N, C-alpha and C. Protein backbone atom coordinates (compact mmCIF):
# COMPACT_ATOMS: atom_id res chain seq x y z
N MET A 1 -92.12 34.17 -51.79
CA MET A 1 -93.11 35.15 -52.36
C MET A 1 -94.25 35.38 -51.19
N LYS A 2 -94.72 34.27 -50.50
CA LYS A 2 -95.75 34.59 -49.51
C LYS A 2 -95.09 35.20 -48.28
N LEU A 3 -93.94 35.12 -47.95
CA LEU A 3 -93.33 36.03 -47.04
C LEU A 3 -93.28 37.33 -47.63
N ILE A 4 -92.99 37.74 -48.53
CA ILE A 4 -93.11 39.16 -49.13
C ILE A 4 -94.45 39.51 -49.05
N ALA A 5 -95.37 38.95 -49.37
CA ALA A 5 -96.88 39.33 -49.01
C ALA A 5 -97.29 39.63 -47.90
N ILE A 6 -96.69 38.61 -46.94
CA ILE A 6 -97.17 38.88 -45.41
C ILE A 6 -96.39 40.18 -45.11
N THR A 7 -95.09 40.18 -45.39
CA THR A 7 -94.19 41.26 -44.79
C THR A 7 -95.09 42.67 -45.36
N PHE A 8 -95.47 42.58 -46.57
CA PHE A 8 -96.19 44.08 -47.36
C PHE A 8 -97.43 44.10 -46.34
N ALA A 9 -98.20 43.21 -46.07
CA ALA A 9 -99.44 43.36 -45.48
C ALA A 9 -99.10 43.96 -44.15
N VAL A 10 -98.21 43.41 -43.35
CA VAL A 10 -97.98 44.19 -42.00
C VAL A 10 -97.60 45.28 -42.24
N PHE A 11 -96.70 45.92 -43.35
CA PHE A 11 -96.16 46.94 -43.52
C PHE A 11 -97.39 47.98 -43.55
N ILE A 12 -98.52 47.69 -44.57
CA ILE A 12 -99.52 48.47 -44.84
C ILE A 12 -100.45 48.75 -43.51
N CYS A 13 -100.53 47.35 -42.74
CA CYS A 13 -101.37 47.52 -41.62
C CYS A 13 -100.77 48.53 -40.65
N THR A 14 -99.46 48.60 -40.28
CA THR A 14 -98.71 49.43 -39.62
C THR A 14 -98.79 50.91 -40.01
N ILE A 15 -98.90 51.08 -41.42
CA ILE A 15 -98.92 52.61 -41.97
C ILE A 15 -100.55 53.14 -41.47
N VAL A 16 -101.52 52.34 -41.96
CA VAL A 16 -102.85 52.37 -41.74
C VAL A 16 -103.03 52.74 -40.15
N ALA A 17 -102.55 51.83 -39.09
CA ALA A 17 -102.84 52.09 -37.75
C ALA A 17 -101.98 53.29 -37.18
N ALA A 18 -100.80 53.69 -37.89
CA ALA A 18 -100.12 55.06 -37.45
C ALA A 18 -101.09 56.13 -38.01
N ASN A 19 -101.52 55.98 -39.16
CA ASN A 19 -102.23 57.35 -39.57
C ASN A 19 -103.79 57.38 -38.68
N SER A 20 -104.12 56.18 -38.45
CA SER A 20 -105.45 56.44 -37.69
C SER A 20 -105.23 56.52 -36.00
N VAL A 21 -104.14 56.93 -35.55
CA VAL A 21 -104.19 57.00 -34.15
C VAL A 21 -105.10 58.06 -33.65
N ALA A 22 -105.87 57.65 -32.60
CA ALA A 22 -107.05 58.46 -31.97
C ALA A 22 -106.47 59.76 -31.96
N LYS A 23 -107.44 60.62 -32.51
CA LYS A 23 -107.29 62.10 -32.29
C LYS A 23 -107.62 62.58 -31.01
N ASP A 24 -107.08 63.67 -30.59
CA ASP A 24 -107.41 64.38 -29.32
C ASP A 24 -108.81 64.44 -29.07
N LEU A 25 -109.36 64.42 -27.83
CA LEU A 25 -110.85 64.54 -27.79
C LEU A 25 -111.43 65.79 -28.29
N PRO A 26 -110.82 66.99 -28.14
CA PRO A 26 -111.36 68.31 -28.90
C PRO A 26 -111.61 68.31 -30.30
N ASP A 27 -110.29 67.30 -31.03
CA ASP A 27 -110.71 67.30 -32.46
C ASP A 27 -111.85 66.42 -32.81
N ARG A 28 -112.12 65.25 -32.07
CA ARG A 28 -112.95 64.36 -32.31
C ARG A 28 -114.29 64.88 -31.96
N LEU A 29 -114.38 65.83 -30.98
CA LEU A 29 -115.63 66.61 -30.67
C LEU A 29 -116.15 67.61 -31.99
N LYS A 30 -115.17 68.09 -32.68
CA LYS A 30 -115.38 69.03 -33.89
C LYS A 30 -115.31 68.15 -35.23
N SER A 31 -115.20 66.95 -35.17
CA SER A 31 -115.01 66.15 -36.23
C SER A 31 -116.22 66.57 -37.31
N CYS A 32 -116.14 66.28 -38.39
CA CYS A 32 -117.09 66.41 -39.39
C CYS A 32 -117.59 65.11 -39.62
N ASP A 33 -117.05 63.87 -39.05
CA ASP A 33 -117.50 62.64 -39.02
C ASP A 33 -118.38 62.44 -37.92
N PHE A 34 -119.78 62.54 -38.10
CA PHE A 34 -120.82 62.64 -37.34
C PHE A 34 -120.69 61.31 -36.09
N ASN A 35 -120.19 60.30 -36.60
CA ASN A 35 -120.20 59.12 -35.59
C ASN A 35 -119.22 59.28 -34.71
N GLU A 36 -117.97 59.86 -35.30
CA GLU A 36 -116.84 60.33 -34.21
C GLU A 36 -117.18 61.22 -33.37
N GLN A 37 -117.83 62.03 -33.65
CA GLN A 37 -118.33 63.31 -32.89
C GLN A 37 -119.26 62.83 -31.83
N ARG A 38 -120.25 62.02 -32.18
CA ARG A 38 -121.28 61.45 -31.13
C ARG A 38 -120.51 60.38 -30.18
N ASN A 39 -119.30 59.68 -30.65
CA ASN A 39 -118.77 58.79 -29.68
C ASN A 39 -117.88 59.61 -28.80
N ALA A 40 -117.39 60.73 -29.17
CA ALA A 40 -116.38 61.65 -28.44
C ALA A 40 -117.36 62.29 -27.39
N ALA A 41 -118.50 62.81 -27.62
CA ALA A 41 -119.57 63.31 -26.74
C ALA A 41 -119.91 62.47 -25.80
N ASP A 42 -120.21 61.06 -26.11
CA ASP A 42 -120.50 60.09 -25.44
C ASP A 42 -119.65 59.83 -24.36
N GLU A 43 -118.34 59.87 -24.67
CA GLU A 43 -117.00 59.57 -23.79
C GLU A 43 -117.10 60.37 -22.66
N VAL A 44 -117.28 61.76 -23.05
CA VAL A 44 -117.17 63.08 -22.20
C VAL A 44 -118.31 62.70 -21.12
N VAL A 45 -119.65 62.56 -21.55
CA VAL A 45 -120.55 62.33 -20.60
C VAL A 45 -120.65 61.18 -19.77
N ALA A 46 -120.16 60.12 -20.18
CA ALA A 46 -119.97 59.03 -19.38
C ALA A 46 -119.15 59.08 -18.34
N GLN A 47 -117.98 59.94 -18.42
CA GLN A 47 -116.88 60.13 -17.28
C GLN A 47 -116.51 61.70 -17.27
N PRO A 48 -117.70 62.49 -16.85
CA PRO A 48 -117.46 63.95 -16.84
C PRO A 48 -116.37 64.41 -16.04
N ASN A 49 -115.96 63.75 -15.04
CA ASN A 49 -114.79 64.09 -13.99
C ASN A 49 -113.34 63.95 -14.81
N LYS A 50 -113.30 63.03 -15.66
CA LYS A 50 -112.23 62.67 -16.30
C LYS A 50 -111.83 64.01 -17.25
N TYR A 51 -112.72 64.73 -17.54
CA TYR A 51 -112.50 65.83 -18.53
C TYR A 51 -112.90 67.10 -17.83
N ASP A 52 -112.35 68.31 -18.38
CA ASP A 52 -112.55 69.52 -17.64
C ASP A 52 -114.04 70.00 -18.21
N SER A 53 -114.70 70.89 -17.44
CA SER A 53 -115.98 71.38 -17.65
C SER A 53 -116.23 71.83 -18.95
N LEU A 54 -115.34 72.32 -19.70
CA LEU A 54 -115.46 73.02 -20.84
C LEU A 54 -115.78 71.77 -21.80
N SER A 55 -115.23 70.63 -21.83
CA SER A 55 -115.68 69.56 -22.56
C SER A 55 -117.16 69.32 -22.26
N LEU A 56 -117.85 69.51 -21.22
CA LEU A 56 -119.17 69.26 -21.37
C LEU A 56 -119.95 70.24 -22.35
N PHE A 57 -119.40 71.26 -22.35
CA PHE A 57 -120.07 72.13 -23.43
C PHE A 57 -119.85 71.76 -24.66
N SER A 58 -118.72 71.34 -25.02
CA SER A 58 -118.29 70.93 -26.24
C SER A 58 -119.20 69.54 -26.66
N ALA A 59 -119.24 68.78 -25.59
CA ALA A 59 -120.37 67.60 -25.93
C ALA A 59 -121.75 68.17 -26.24
N ALA A 60 -122.27 69.10 -25.70
CA ALA A 60 -123.59 69.86 -25.93
C ALA A 60 -123.63 70.08 -27.25
N TYR A 61 -122.52 71.13 -27.72
CA TYR A 61 -122.44 71.70 -28.87
C TYR A 61 -122.58 70.37 -29.89
N ALA A 62 -121.69 69.47 -29.67
CA ALA A 62 -121.86 68.15 -30.66
C ALA A 62 -123.00 67.59 -30.69
N TYR A 63 -123.91 67.44 -29.60
CA TYR A 63 -125.22 66.78 -29.50
C TYR A 63 -126.24 67.90 -30.18
N PHE A 64 -126.00 69.00 -30.05
CA PHE A 64 -126.91 70.01 -30.76
C PHE A 64 -126.85 69.97 -32.43
N LYS A 65 -125.81 69.74 -32.64
CA LYS A 65 -125.34 69.82 -34.03
C LYS A 65 -125.82 68.40 -34.71
N LEU A 66 -125.88 67.45 -33.93
CA LEU A 66 -126.21 66.00 -34.25
C LEU A 66 -127.89 65.76 -34.27
N GLY A 67 -128.48 67.04 -33.70
CA GLY A 67 -130.04 66.89 -33.64
C GLY A 67 -130.49 66.37 -32.22
N GLU A 68 -129.70 66.21 -31.29
CA GLU A 68 -129.86 65.60 -30.00
C GLU A 68 -130.28 66.93 -29.23
N LYS A 69 -131.16 67.79 -29.52
CA LYS A 69 -131.14 68.90 -28.78
C LYS A 69 -131.62 68.97 -27.16
N ASP A 70 -132.35 68.04 -26.75
CA ASP A 70 -132.76 68.13 -25.33
C ASP A 70 -131.48 67.59 -24.80
N LYS A 71 -130.69 66.50 -25.24
CA LYS A 71 -129.50 66.09 -24.49
C LYS A 71 -128.63 67.22 -24.52
N ALA A 72 -128.65 67.95 -25.67
CA ALA A 72 -127.63 69.14 -25.61
C ALA A 72 -127.76 70.22 -24.47
N VAL A 73 -128.95 70.49 -24.32
CA VAL A 73 -129.53 71.19 -23.21
C VAL A 73 -129.18 70.88 -21.70
N PHE A 74 -129.33 69.52 -21.75
CA PHE A 74 -129.08 68.90 -20.44
C PHE A 74 -127.37 69.09 -20.22
N TRP A 75 -126.64 68.99 -21.08
CA TRP A 75 -125.21 68.83 -20.85
C TRP A 75 -124.62 70.42 -20.94
N PHE A 76 -125.48 71.15 -21.62
CA PHE A 76 -124.91 72.65 -21.66
C PHE A 76 -125.04 73.19 -20.19
N PHE A 77 -126.30 72.99 -19.60
CA PHE A 77 -126.59 73.39 -18.26
C PHE A 77 -125.59 73.00 -17.22
N ALA A 78 -125.35 71.53 -17.49
CA ALA A 78 -124.35 70.74 -16.55
C ALA A 78 -123.07 71.38 -16.58
N GLY A 79 -122.63 71.67 -17.81
CA GLY A 79 -121.28 72.22 -18.15
C GLY A 79 -121.21 73.36 -17.40
N GLN A 80 -122.34 74.21 -17.66
CA GLN A 80 -122.08 75.58 -16.97
C GLN A 80 -122.03 75.64 -15.33
N LEU A 81 -122.91 74.46 -14.90
CA LEU A 81 -122.88 74.53 -13.40
C LEU A 81 -121.42 74.21 -13.00
N ARG A 82 -120.90 73.20 -13.67
CA ARG A 82 -119.66 72.69 -13.32
C ARG A 82 -118.60 73.49 -13.44
N LEU A 83 -118.71 74.52 -14.51
CA LEU A 83 -117.70 75.41 -14.80
C LEU A 83 -117.58 76.65 -13.65
N ARG A 84 -118.96 76.91 -13.12
CA ARG A 84 -119.03 77.84 -12.17
C ARG A 84 -118.60 77.11 -10.88
N GLN A 85 -118.86 76.08 -10.68
CA GLN A 85 -118.43 75.39 -9.35
C GLN A 85 -117.06 75.31 -9.28
N SER A 86 -116.27 75.03 -10.51
CA SER A 86 -114.67 75.19 -10.32
C SER A 86 -114.25 76.50 -10.29
N SER A 87 -114.82 77.27 -10.95
CA SER A 87 -114.19 78.71 -11.26
C SER A 87 -114.46 79.45 -9.85
N MET A 88 -115.20 79.06 -9.04
CA MET A 88 -115.58 79.83 -7.87
C MET A 88 -114.31 79.21 -6.67
N THR A 89 -113.92 78.28 -7.21
CA THR A 89 -112.72 77.63 -6.11
C THR A 89 -111.31 77.81 -6.64
N THR A 90 -111.36 77.88 -7.87
CA THR A 90 -110.04 78.09 -8.50
C THR A 90 -110.00 79.39 -9.46
N PRO A 91 -110.12 80.47 -8.91
CA PRO A 91 -110.19 81.99 -9.63
C PRO A 91 -109.00 81.97 -10.54
N SER A 92 -109.40 82.63 -11.75
CA SER A 92 -108.75 83.00 -12.85
C SER A 92 -109.19 84.12 -13.30
N GLU A 93 -108.23 84.90 -14.03
CA GLU A 93 -108.68 86.12 -14.67
C GLU A 93 -109.55 85.92 -16.00
N ASN A 94 -109.38 84.52 -16.37
CA ASN A 94 -110.05 84.12 -17.56
C ASN A 94 -111.37 83.65 -17.45
N VAL A 95 -111.80 83.07 -16.22
CA VAL A 95 -112.89 82.37 -16.05
C VAL A 95 -114.21 83.35 -16.24
N GLY A 96 -114.31 84.42 -16.14
CA GLY A 96 -115.40 85.22 -16.61
C GLY A 96 -115.56 85.46 -18.02
N PHE A 97 -114.35 85.48 -18.55
CA PHE A 97 -114.40 85.50 -19.91
C PHE A 97 -114.79 84.25 -20.69
N ILE A 98 -114.30 82.89 -20.10
CA ILE A 98 -114.60 81.89 -20.67
C ILE A 98 -116.16 81.61 -20.44
N THR A 99 -116.55 81.89 -19.38
CA THR A 99 -118.17 81.78 -18.88
C THR A 99 -118.83 82.56 -19.99
N ASN A 100 -118.55 83.73 -20.11
CA ASN A 100 -119.32 84.73 -20.93
C ASN A 100 -119.35 84.13 -22.45
N MET A 101 -118.12 83.58 -22.87
CA MET A 101 -118.08 83.26 -24.20
C MET A 101 -118.61 81.82 -24.54
N PHE A 102 -118.98 80.96 -23.45
CA PHE A 102 -119.62 79.87 -23.81
C PHE A 102 -121.07 80.06 -23.66
N VAL A 103 -121.45 80.97 -22.82
CA VAL A 103 -122.94 81.41 -22.77
C VAL A 103 -123.19 81.91 -24.17
N ALA A 104 -122.41 83.03 -24.52
CA ALA A 104 -122.83 83.54 -25.94
C ALA A 104 -122.82 82.53 -27.02
N ALA A 105 -121.89 81.85 -27.04
CA ALA A 105 -121.79 80.80 -28.06
C ALA A 105 -122.91 79.77 -28.04
N GLY A 106 -123.51 79.56 -26.84
CA GLY A 106 -124.31 78.59 -26.52
C GLY A 106 -125.59 79.12 -26.80
N PHE A 107 -125.71 80.37 -27.53
CA PHE A 107 -127.06 81.01 -27.71
C PHE A 107 -128.03 80.13 -28.34
N PRO A 108 -127.70 79.32 -29.48
CA PRO A 108 -128.72 78.59 -30.11
C PRO A 108 -129.29 77.35 -29.28
N ILE A 109 -128.61 77.05 -28.11
CA ILE A 109 -129.02 75.89 -27.16
C ILE A 109 -129.94 76.53 -26.30
N THR A 110 -129.50 77.71 -25.82
CA THR A 110 -130.43 78.42 -24.65
C THR A 110 -131.72 78.98 -25.36
N ASN A 111 -131.69 79.25 -26.76
CA ASN A 111 -132.91 79.84 -27.39
C ASN A 111 -133.65 78.74 -27.68
N TYR A 112 -133.12 77.58 -28.12
CA TYR A 112 -134.24 76.19 -28.14
C TYR A 112 -134.67 76.14 -26.96
N ALA A 113 -133.90 76.16 -25.81
CA ALA A 113 -134.40 75.62 -24.47
C ALA A 113 -135.33 76.30 -24.07
N THR A 114 -135.35 77.54 -24.11
CA THR A 114 -136.24 78.70 -23.68
C THR A 114 -137.62 78.81 -24.41
N HIS A 115 -137.68 78.05 -25.44
CA HIS A 115 -138.90 77.99 -26.24
C HIS A 115 -139.95 77.19 -25.39
N ASP A 116 -139.50 76.39 -24.37
CA ASP A 116 -140.46 75.50 -23.60
C ASP A 116 -139.92 75.51 -22.24
N VAL A 117 -140.47 76.70 -21.45
CA VAL A 117 -140.00 76.71 -19.95
C VAL A 117 -140.00 75.72 -19.26
N ALA A 118 -141.20 75.23 -19.31
CA ALA A 118 -141.61 74.09 -18.26
C ALA A 118 -140.62 72.91 -18.59
N LYS A 119 -140.21 72.63 -19.77
CA LYS A 119 -139.25 71.56 -20.03
C LYS A 119 -137.97 72.02 -19.82
N LEU A 120 -137.56 73.33 -19.82
CA LEU A 120 -136.32 73.47 -19.46
C LEU A 120 -136.15 73.53 -17.87
N ALA A 121 -137.27 73.87 -17.19
CA ALA A 121 -137.12 73.86 -15.64
C ALA A 121 -137.01 72.40 -15.32
N SER A 122 -137.61 71.59 -15.91
CA SER A 122 -137.47 70.11 -15.75
C SER A 122 -135.88 69.65 -15.89
N THR A 123 -135.52 70.15 -16.96
CA THR A 123 -134.11 69.68 -17.34
C THR A 123 -133.19 70.35 -16.32
N ILE A 124 -133.30 71.59 -15.77
CA ILE A 124 -132.44 72.08 -14.68
C ILE A 124 -132.53 71.17 -13.29
N ASP A 125 -133.72 70.75 -13.20
CA ASP A 125 -133.84 69.77 -11.96
C ASP A 125 -133.21 68.64 -12.08
N ARG A 126 -133.33 68.12 -13.51
CA ARG A 126 -132.34 66.93 -13.64
C ARG A 126 -131.02 67.30 -13.49
N VAL A 127 -130.52 68.27 -13.87
CA VAL A 127 -128.94 68.77 -13.98
C VAL A 127 -128.84 68.86 -12.42
N LEU A 128 -129.47 69.53 -11.58
CA LEU A 128 -129.08 69.47 -10.17
C LEU A 128 -129.28 67.95 -9.49
N GLU A 129 -130.03 67.17 -10.12
CA GLU A 129 -130.13 65.78 -9.46
C GLU A 129 -128.81 64.99 -9.92
N TRP A 130 -128.51 65.38 -11.18
CA TRP A 130 -127.12 64.79 -11.65
C TRP A 130 -125.78 65.25 -10.80
N ASP A 131 -126.06 66.58 -10.52
CA ASP A 131 -124.81 67.22 -9.90
C ASP A 131 -124.67 66.49 -8.61
N THR A 132 -125.78 66.47 -7.80
CA THR A 132 -125.81 65.78 -6.49
C THR A 132 -125.18 64.36 -6.61
N ALA A 133 -125.75 63.53 -7.58
CA ALA A 133 -125.43 62.16 -7.78
C ALA A 133 -123.85 62.00 -8.37
N THR A 134 -123.33 63.10 -9.12
CA THR A 134 -122.01 62.83 -9.67
C THR A 134 -121.08 63.73 -8.92
N PRO A 135 -120.04 63.01 -8.09
CA PRO A 135 -119.34 63.73 -7.39
C PRO A 135 -118.33 64.80 -8.27
N LEU A 136 -118.26 65.90 -7.77
CA LEU A 136 -117.33 66.66 -8.28
C LEU A 136 -115.90 66.13 -8.51
N ASP A 137 -114.85 66.60 -9.46
CA ASP A 137 -113.49 66.22 -9.56
C ASP A 137 -112.95 66.32 -8.13
N PRO A 138 -112.22 65.29 -7.86
CA PRO A 138 -111.44 65.37 -6.67
C PRO A 138 -110.55 66.40 -6.60
N ARG A 139 -110.12 66.86 -7.48
CA ARG A 139 -109.18 67.93 -7.27
C ARG A 139 -109.69 69.28 -7.03
N ILE A 140 -111.16 69.45 -7.08
CA ILE A 140 -111.86 70.54 -6.74
C ILE A 140 -112.17 70.48 -5.45
N ILE A 141 -112.71 68.92 -4.98
CA ILE A 141 -113.31 68.76 -3.69
C ILE A 141 -111.98 69.23 -2.47
N LYS A 142 -110.85 69.04 -3.06
CA LYS A 142 -109.71 69.16 -1.97
C LYS A 142 -109.70 70.87 -1.55
N ILE A 143 -109.95 71.57 -2.40
CA ILE A 143 -109.93 73.20 -2.26
C ILE A 143 -110.69 73.66 -1.28
N LYS A 144 -110.18 74.28 -0.39
CA LYS A 144 -110.94 75.01 0.59
C LYS A 144 -112.03 75.89 0.18
N GLY A 145 -113.23 75.66 0.48
CA GLY A 145 -114.35 76.58 0.08
C GLY A 145 -115.32 75.86 -0.92
N HIS A 146 -114.73 74.73 -1.42
CA HIS A 146 -115.58 74.19 -2.64
C HIS A 146 -117.02 73.80 -2.31
N GLU A 147 -117.23 73.56 -1.09
CA GLU A 147 -118.73 73.50 -0.60
C GLU A 147 -119.47 74.87 -0.57
N GLN A 148 -118.84 75.84 -0.37
CA GLN A 148 -119.84 76.97 -0.63
C GLN A 148 -119.84 77.32 -1.95
N ALA A 149 -118.90 77.20 -2.91
CA ALA A 149 -118.84 77.63 -4.27
C ALA A 149 -119.76 76.84 -5.17
N SER A 150 -119.78 75.50 -4.67
CA SER A 150 -120.72 74.40 -5.33
C SER A 150 -122.30 75.05 -4.91
N LYS A 151 -122.41 75.38 -3.58
CA LYS A 151 -123.94 76.07 -3.23
C LYS A 151 -124.21 77.07 -4.03
N GLN A 152 -123.20 78.00 -4.14
CA GLN A 152 -123.37 79.13 -4.83
C GLN A 152 -123.98 79.08 -6.09
N ALA A 153 -123.20 78.08 -7.04
CA ALA A 153 -123.30 77.83 -8.36
C ALA A 153 -124.75 77.19 -8.41
N ARG A 154 -125.11 76.19 -7.62
CA ARG A 154 -126.23 75.70 -7.67
C ARG A 154 -127.44 76.70 -7.59
N ASP A 155 -127.32 77.44 -6.59
CA ASP A 155 -128.13 78.66 -6.05
C ASP A 155 -128.50 79.43 -7.38
N SER A 156 -127.49 79.64 -8.03
CA SER A 156 -127.57 80.44 -9.33
C SER A 156 -128.34 79.91 -10.43
N LEU A 157 -128.13 78.70 -10.59
CA LEU A 157 -128.83 77.91 -11.43
C LEU A 157 -130.53 77.82 -11.09
N ILE A 158 -130.87 77.67 -9.73
CA ILE A 158 -131.91 77.71 -9.25
C ILE A 158 -132.72 78.95 -9.58
N GLN A 159 -131.75 80.26 -9.23
CA GLN A 159 -132.39 81.44 -9.48
C GLN A 159 -132.88 81.60 -10.75
N PHE A 160 -132.04 81.13 -11.82
CA PHE A 160 -132.20 81.28 -13.25
C PHE A 160 -133.51 80.56 -13.56
N LYS A 161 -133.97 79.47 -13.00
CA LYS A 161 -135.05 78.55 -13.44
C LYS A 161 -136.14 79.24 -12.86
N ASN A 162 -136.25 79.75 -11.60
CA ASN A 162 -137.34 80.53 -10.81
C ASN A 162 -137.68 81.73 -11.73
N LYS A 163 -136.67 82.36 -12.26
CA LYS A 163 -136.80 83.57 -13.22
C LYS A 163 -137.59 83.34 -14.23
N ILE A 164 -137.24 82.14 -14.95
CA ILE A 164 -137.61 82.09 -16.34
C ILE A 164 -139.21 81.48 -16.23
N ILE A 165 -139.44 80.70 -14.86
CA ILE A 165 -140.85 80.21 -14.66
C ILE A 165 -141.71 81.64 -14.15
N ALA A 166 -141.17 82.58 -13.52
CA ALA A 166 -141.95 83.64 -13.23
C ALA A 166 -142.30 84.49 -14.45
N ASN A 167 -141.34 84.38 -15.45
CA ASN A 167 -141.42 85.32 -16.65
C ASN A 167 -141.76 84.31 -17.87
N LYS A 168 -142.36 83.14 -17.67
CA LYS A 168 -142.57 82.35 -18.69
C LYS A 168 -143.04 82.74 -20.10
N ALA A 169 -144.09 83.42 -20.00
CA ALA A 169 -144.61 84.03 -21.51
C ALA A 169 -143.60 84.94 -22.09
N MET A 170 -142.93 85.87 -21.43
CA MET A 170 -141.80 86.70 -21.87
C MET A 170 -140.82 85.89 -22.17
N THR A 171 -140.25 84.98 -21.54
CA THR A 171 -139.07 84.07 -21.96
C THR A 171 -139.50 83.48 -23.13
N GLU A 172 -140.48 82.86 -23.43
CA GLU A 172 -140.87 82.04 -24.66
C GLU A 172 -141.12 82.88 -25.77
N LEU A 173 -141.71 84.10 -25.69
CA LEU A 173 -141.78 85.08 -26.66
C LEU A 173 -140.55 85.57 -27.27
N GLU A 174 -139.62 86.05 -26.17
CA GLU A 174 -138.17 86.25 -26.66
C GLU A 174 -137.46 85.21 -27.30
N ALA A 175 -137.56 84.05 -26.97
CA ALA A 175 -137.03 82.78 -27.67
C ALA A 175 -137.50 82.89 -29.28
N LYS A 176 -138.90 83.00 -29.17
CA LYS A 176 -139.42 83.04 -30.88
C LYS A 176 -138.77 84.09 -31.51
N GLU A 177 -138.84 85.32 -30.87
CA GLU A 177 -138.27 86.64 -31.48
C GLU A 177 -136.82 86.41 -32.11
N LYS A 178 -136.14 85.43 -31.26
CA LYS A 178 -134.78 85.65 -31.63
C LYS A 178 -134.32 84.24 -32.41
N GLU A 179 -135.08 83.62 -32.97
CA GLU A 179 -135.03 82.30 -33.73
C GLU A 179 -134.14 82.51 -34.89
N ASN A 180 -134.42 83.48 -35.65
CA ASN A 180 -133.54 83.75 -36.85
C ASN A 180 -132.02 83.89 -36.48
N GLU A 181 -131.96 84.71 -35.42
CA GLU A 181 -130.64 85.19 -34.88
C GLU A 181 -129.78 83.79 -34.32
N ALA A 182 -130.57 82.85 -33.76
CA ALA A 182 -129.85 81.83 -33.15
C ALA A 182 -129.57 80.84 -34.21
N GLU A 183 -130.50 80.63 -35.30
CA GLU A 183 -130.13 80.02 -36.39
C GLU A 183 -128.88 80.45 -37.22
N LYS A 184 -128.70 81.65 -37.10
CA LYS A 184 -127.56 81.99 -37.86
C LYS A 184 -126.25 81.85 -37.09
N VAL A 185 -126.21 81.80 -35.89
CA VAL A 185 -125.28 81.45 -34.97
C VAL A 185 -125.02 79.94 -35.23
N PHE A 186 -126.10 78.99 -35.28
CA PHE A 186 -125.91 77.70 -35.44
C PHE A 186 -125.36 77.32 -36.59
N LYS A 187 -125.71 78.13 -37.82
CA LYS A 187 -125.23 77.86 -39.02
C LYS A 187 -123.76 78.16 -39.10
N SER A 188 -123.15 79.02 -38.04
CA SER A 188 -121.76 79.32 -38.05
C SER A 188 -120.94 78.15 -37.47
N TRP A 189 -121.63 77.35 -36.85
CA TRP A 189 -121.03 76.06 -36.01
C TRP A 189 -120.99 74.81 -37.05
N SER A 190 -121.23 75.11 -38.51
CA SER A 190 -121.45 73.70 -39.48
C SER A 190 -119.90 73.49 -39.59
N CYS A 191 -119.97 72.30 -40.01
CA CYS A 191 -118.59 71.59 -40.04
C CYS A 191 -117.79 72.11 -41.39
N LYS A 192 -116.51 72.48 -41.06
CA LYS A 192 -115.63 73.05 -42.09
C LYS A 192 -114.74 71.98 -42.31
N LYS A 193 -114.43 71.43 -43.37
CA LYS A 193 -113.22 70.45 -43.55
C LYS A 193 -112.14 71.21 -44.22
């Protein structure tokens, strides 16, 4: 009887283990389980070169949905920078579409960020520092022209920062005026089981 009980327990544990095999990262980033979502986002940002730059966007969305909005802003702009760096060295007909899609989908994050231009400018500086301290994916570094592409992507982000600083009052006013629109987009991100 004891052997049957042990065998049954092993059988049940095997079934449970088989059903709880780790989901793919994209699924975990979209999970309705907030702990799973946060753990997946933390996994991405802990090893950013292990994942593609689109995963940084997904981590940013997860953080934003979890209420960690400033963290989301940082990773959104880091993802944007890395996507631009890699797309300039590995051209694809889809890169422009993907970039535009993520920028548009990230509207709630950028709207939140542009409510406080000084804070966003500081975040962009931290993103640039992170980029300098965090080497690019070795696959990109091997590509001819990666240094120029990285510089162009960084320069583009610096130009954006300078533009919002120069137009601080207008940028912050536009963000306030578009709050309701951003909130509607954010609500469309809600978890659907």
